[in-house]
Protein backbone atom coordinates (compact mmCIF):
# COMPACT_ATOMS: atom_id res chain seq x y z
CA MET A 1 0.00 0.00 0.00
CA SER A 2 1.47 3.37 -0.95
CA LYS A 3 1.75 6.00 1.75
CA ILE A 4 0.26 9.45 1.95
CA ILE A 5 3.07 11.88 1.29
CA GLU A 6 3.78 14.22 4.20
CA SER A 7 4.98 17.80 3.99
CA GLY A 8 6.13 18.81 7.45
CA LYS A 9 3.22 17.62 9.56
CA GLY A 10 0.57 18.11 6.88
CA PHE A 11 -0.75 15.88 4.12
CA VAL A 12 -0.30 16.75 0.46
CA LEU A 13 -1.06 15.05 -2.82
CA PRO A 14 1.53 12.73 -4.33
CA ASP A 15 1.61 14.89 -7.45
CA ASP A 16 2.70 18.48 -6.87
CA LYS A 17 1.02 19.56 -10.07
CA VAL A 18 -2.30 18.21 -8.87
CA GLN A 19 -1.84 19.98 -5.54
CA GLN A 20 -1.12 23.26 -7.33
CA SER A 21 -4.19 22.75 -9.49
CA VAL A 22 -6.36 22.16 -6.43
CA SER A 23 -4.96 25.27 -4.77
CA ARG A 24 -5.70 27.44 -7.76
CA ARG A 25 -9.05 26.06 -8.81
CA LYS A 26 -10.58 25.24 -5.44
CA PHE A 27 -8.88 27.10 -2.62
CA LEU A 28 -8.76 30.58 -4.14
CA GLY A 29 -12.53 30.57 -4.18
CA TYR A 30 -12.41 30.52 -0.38
CA GLY A 31 -9.56 32.98 0.04
CA ALA A 32 -11.50 36.17 0.65
CA ALA A 33 -13.83 34.54 3.14
CA ALA A 34 -10.93 32.98 5.01
CA SER A 35 -9.16 36.32 5.33
CA ALA A 36 -12.30 37.90 6.76
CA LEU A 37 -12.55 35.26 9.47
CA VAL A 38 -8.97 35.30 10.76
CA ILE A 39 -9.23 38.34 13.05
CA GLY A 40 -12.36 37.13 14.84
CA ILE A 41 -11.07 33.60 15.28
CA ALA A 42 -7.70 34.71 16.61
CA ALA A 43 -9.44 36.71 19.31
CA CYS A 44 -11.33 33.62 20.44
CA ASN A 45 -8.19 31.50 20.78
CA LYS A 46 -6.05 33.53 23.16
CA ASP A 47 -6.61 31.33 26.20
CA ASP A 48 -7.14 27.92 24.61
CA ASP A 49 -4.85 25.07 25.63
CA ASN A 50 -4.36 23.12 22.41
CA MET A 51 -2.39 20.17 23.75
CA PRO A 52 -3.84 18.58 26.90
CA SER A 53 -2.60 15.17 28.05
CA ASN A 54 -5.67 13.35 26.71
CA GLY A 55 -5.38 14.69 23.16
CA ILE A 56 -5.47 17.85 21.12
CA ASN A 57 -8.03 20.27 22.52
CA LEU A 58 -10.15 21.79 19.77
CA GLY A 59 -10.78 24.90 21.84
CA SER A 60 -13.98 26.68 22.77
CA GLY A 61 -16.66 28.88 21.22
CA ASP A 62 -16.89 29.43 17.48
CA ALA A 63 -13.15 28.92 17.04
CA GLY A 64 -13.45 25.51 18.66
CA ILE A 65 -16.29 24.55 16.33
CA LEU A 66 -14.22 25.60 13.33
CA ASN A 67 -11.28 23.54 14.60
CA TYR A 68 -13.74 20.66 14.98
CA ALA A 69 -14.69 21.02 11.31
CA TYR A 70 -10.99 21.37 10.40
CA ALA A 71 -10.18 18.09 12.14
CA LEU A 72 -12.89 16.25 10.21
CA GLU A 73 -11.82 17.80 6.90
CA GLN A 74 -8.23 16.75 7.57
CA LEU A 75 -9.41 13.18 8.05
CA GLU A 76 -11.50 13.14 4.89
CA ALA A 77 -8.80 14.81 2.77
CA ALA A 78 -6.20 12.28 3.96
CA PHE A 79 -8.54 9.38 3.22
CA TYR A 80 -9.38 10.40 -0.35
CA THR A 81 -5.76 11.31 -1.04
CA GLN A 82 -4.82 7.74 -0.13
CA VAL A 83 -7.66 6.34 -2.27
CA ILE A 84 -6.36 8.17 -5.35
CA ALA A 85 -2.71 7.37 -4.54
CA SER A 86 -3.50 3.63 -4.48
CA PRO A 87 -6.68 3.13 -6.55
CA TYR A 88 -8.83 0.08 -5.84
CA SER A 89 -9.65 -2.35 -8.63
CA GLY A 90 -13.06 -2.44 -10.25
CA GLY A 91 -13.76 1.28 -10.32
CA SER A 92 -14.89 2.75 -13.64
CA VAL A 93 -13.15 5.76 -15.18
CA ALA A 94 -16.19 7.92 -14.39
CA GLU A 95 -16.30 6.67 -10.80
CA MET A 96 -12.63 7.43 -10.16
CA ALA A 97 -12.97 10.87 -11.77
CA LEU A 98 -15.73 11.74 -9.31
CA ILE A 99 -13.72 10.35 -6.39
CA LYS A 100 -10.93 12.72 -7.46
CA ASP A 101 -13.43 15.60 -7.43
CA ILE A 102 -14.41 14.66 -3.88
CA ARG A 103 -10.73 14.57 -2.90
CA ASP A 104 -10.25 18.05 -4.34
CA HIS A 105 -13.27 19.39 -2.44
CA GLU A 106 -12.04 17.94 0.85
CA ILE A 107 -8.56 19.39 0.35
CA ALA A 108 -10.10 22.79 -0.41
CA HIS A 109 -12.23 22.58 2.75
CA ARG A 110 -9.20 21.58 4.83
CA GLU A 111 -7.07 24.42 3.50
CA PHE A 112 -9.89 26.91 3.97
CA PHE A 113 -10.23 26.11 7.67
CA LYS A 114 -6.46 26.01 8.17
CA ASN A 115 -6.03 29.47 6.68
CA ALA A 116 -9.13 30.93 8.32
CA LEU A 117 -8.03 29.75 11.76
CA GLY A 118 -4.48 31.00 11.28
CA SER A 119 -2.38 30.64 14.43
CA GLY A 120 -5.46 29.28 16.24
CA ALA A 121 -5.59 26.16 14.06
CA ILE A 122 -4.86 22.79 15.64
CA GLN A 123 -1.86 20.87 14.33
CA ALA A 124 -1.96 18.52 11.37
CA LEU A 125 -3.45 15.19 12.44
CA GLU A 126 -2.05 11.75 11.67
CA PRO A 127 -4.73 9.34 10.42
CA ASP A 128 -5.02 5.64 11.18
CA PHE A 129 -6.51 3.81 8.21
CA SER A 130 -5.32 0.36 9.30
CA SER A 131 -8.93 -0.89 9.22
CA VAL A 132 -9.34 0.07 5.55
CA ASN A 133 -8.32 -2.21 2.68
CA PHE A 134 -7.50 0.35 0.01
CA SER A 135 -7.24 -2.33 -2.68
CA SER A 136 -10.88 -3.32 -2.09
CA ARG A 137 -13.63 -1.27 -3.72
CA GLU A 138 -16.12 -2.46 -1.09
CA SER A 139 -13.89 -1.48 1.82
CA VAL A 140 -13.07 1.94 0.39
CA LEU A 141 -16.63 2.84 -0.58
CA ASN A 142 -18.10 1.69 2.72
CA THR A 143 -15.51 3.77 4.57
CA ALA A 144 -16.24 6.74 2.31
CA LYS A 145 -19.95 6.34 3.05
CA ALA A 146 -19.25 6.28 6.78
CA PHE A 147 -17.05 9.40 6.57
CA GLU A 148 -19.52 11.36 4.43
CA ASP A 149 -22.54 10.45 6.56
CA LEU A 150 -20.51 11.32 9.67
CA GLY A 151 -19.47 14.67 8.21
CA VAL A 152 -23.02 15.68 7.28
CA SER A 153 -24.35 14.72 10.70
CA ALA A 154 -21.46 16.59 12.35
CA TYR A 155 -22.18 19.86 10.55
CA ASN A 156 -25.91 19.43 11.23
CA GLY A 157 -25.26 18.93 14.93
CA ALA A 158 -22.77 21.80 15.19
CA GLY A 159 -24.89 24.41 13.42
CA LYS A 160 -26.89 25.34 16.51
CA LEU A 161 -23.65 25.82 18.47
CA ILE A 162 -22.28 28.52 16.15
CA VAL A 163 -22.79 32.09 17.33
CA LYS A 164 -21.46 34.22 14.48
CA ALA A 165 -23.82 34.28 11.49
CA ASP A 166 -20.99 34.42 8.92
CA TYR A 167 -19.59 31.13 10.23
CA LEU A 168 -23.01 29.51 10.09
CA VAL A 169 -23.45 30.56 6.45
CA LEU A 170 -20.07 29.06 5.52
CA ALA A 171 -20.83 25.85 7.41
CA GLY A 172 -24.12 25.61 5.51
CA LYS A 173 -22.32 25.92 2.18
CA ILE A 174 -19.82 23.22 3.10
CA VAL A 175 -22.34 20.76 4.52
CA SER A 176 -24.37 20.97 1.31
CA VAL A 177 -21.29 19.82 -0.62
CA GLU A 178 -20.67 17.03 1.90
CA ALA A 179 -24.28 15.90 1.44
CA ARG A 180 -23.72 15.73 -2.32
CA HIS A 181 -20.69 13.52 -1.69
CA ALA A 182 -22.69 11.29 0.65
CA ALA A 183 -25.51 10.91 -1.86
CA TYR A 184 -23.13 9.97 -4.67
CA ILE A 185 -21.17 7.44 -2.62
CA ARG A 186 -24.36 5.86 -1.31
CA ASP A 187 -25.81 5.48 -4.79
CA ILE A 188 -22.75 3.86 -6.35
CA ILE A 189 -22.83 1.32 -3.51
CA SER A 190 -26.58 0.70 -3.81
CA ASN A 191 -28.70 2.70 -6.22
CA GLY A 192 -31.55 4.59 -4.56
CA THR A 193 -30.07 4.71 -1.05
CA PHE A 194 -28.89 8.33 -1.34
CA ALA A 195 -31.51 9.50 1.17
CA ASP A 196 -32.85 6.38 2.88
CA ASN A 197 -34.13 6.17 6.46
CA THR A 198 -30.68 5.54 7.90
CA VAL A 199 -29.79 9.19 7.28
CA VAL A 200 -33.11 11.00 6.76
CA ASP A 201 -35.79 10.95 9.46
CA THR A 202 -39.57 10.76 9.12
CA ASN A 203 -39.78 14.56 8.91
CA GLY A 204 -37.54 14.55 5.85
CA LEU A 205 -34.62 15.99 7.79
CA ASP A 206 -31.00 14.86 7.77
CA LYS A 207 -29.96 13.30 11.04
CA SER A 208 -27.40 15.00 13.27
CA ARG A 209 -24.78 14.04 15.86
CA THR A 210 -23.23 15.98 18.71
CA PRO A 211 -19.49 16.73 18.64
CA ALA A 212 -18.95 14.15 21.39
CA GLU A 213 -20.69 11.45 19.31
CA VAL A 214 -18.78 12.41 16.16
CA LEU A 215 -15.36 12.52 17.83
CA THR A 216 -15.87 9.09 19.39
CA ILE A 217 -16.12 7.73 15.86
CA ALA A 218 -13.53 10.00 14.22
CA ASN A 219 -10.87 9.21 16.81
CA THR A 220 -10.94 5.54 15.80
CA PHE A 221 -9.42 6.72 12.49
CA LEU A 222 -6.86 9.04 14.07
CA LYS A 223 -3.49 8.29 15.62
CA THR A 224 -3.47 11.89 16.83
CA LYS A 225 -6.53 11.97 19.09
CA VAL A 226 -8.63 15.09 19.59
CA THR A 227 -10.95 16.18 22.37
CA GLY A 228 -13.92 18.51 22.22
CA SER A 229 -14.23 18.86 25.99
CA ASN A 230 -14.30 22.66 25.76
CA LEU A 231 -16.74 22.91 22.86
CA PRO A 232 -20.15 24.48 23.49
CA THR A 233 -23.01 22.05 24.05
CA SER A 234 -25.99 24.36 23.57
């Protein structure tokens, strides 16, 4: 199995040209918004302890919620980067092209949060994908489904915890993209399951999870554990 290439402590694509393309095509679209958020986030992070003994503390308030999203986007970006670096057998050309698009989106989301948070961003996280067989289409797609469903439910659960309206708008734009990913992955696994009752409730609403519920799952895929003990709960 090929490894994810590391740059310092962060994850990058194996092909520098692809990384540059992602930066230009995807990330620049977020640049202005990221710059506008930096000042407010930095003010919220002055007293946060980012490295407690039981893991990396995401922080508190809106900045903590954004670090929470950043942690999840790091995980997803690392996963799809590995999928493309060591493609599974049995995937059509069209399928792999769309998986690459998802990878690019997740990298753009990761870089957006990293730049928006500035010095208040948590460190780069080291994933643990030992439970994933990257040569198996079934293993990869089922893991992708789990990650995408988790991400959508995480944003849904965190929305009510965000105070600043600008952050809520941005979270809404990102979760809608994550939901598109989830729908696509679900349908290539089993057509028609894009919005079944495992993710959509009887009121026609996407299900949600609290940060504590999400991090319990996410940490099983991380060597570098994170804690949301200081995140708002209501």
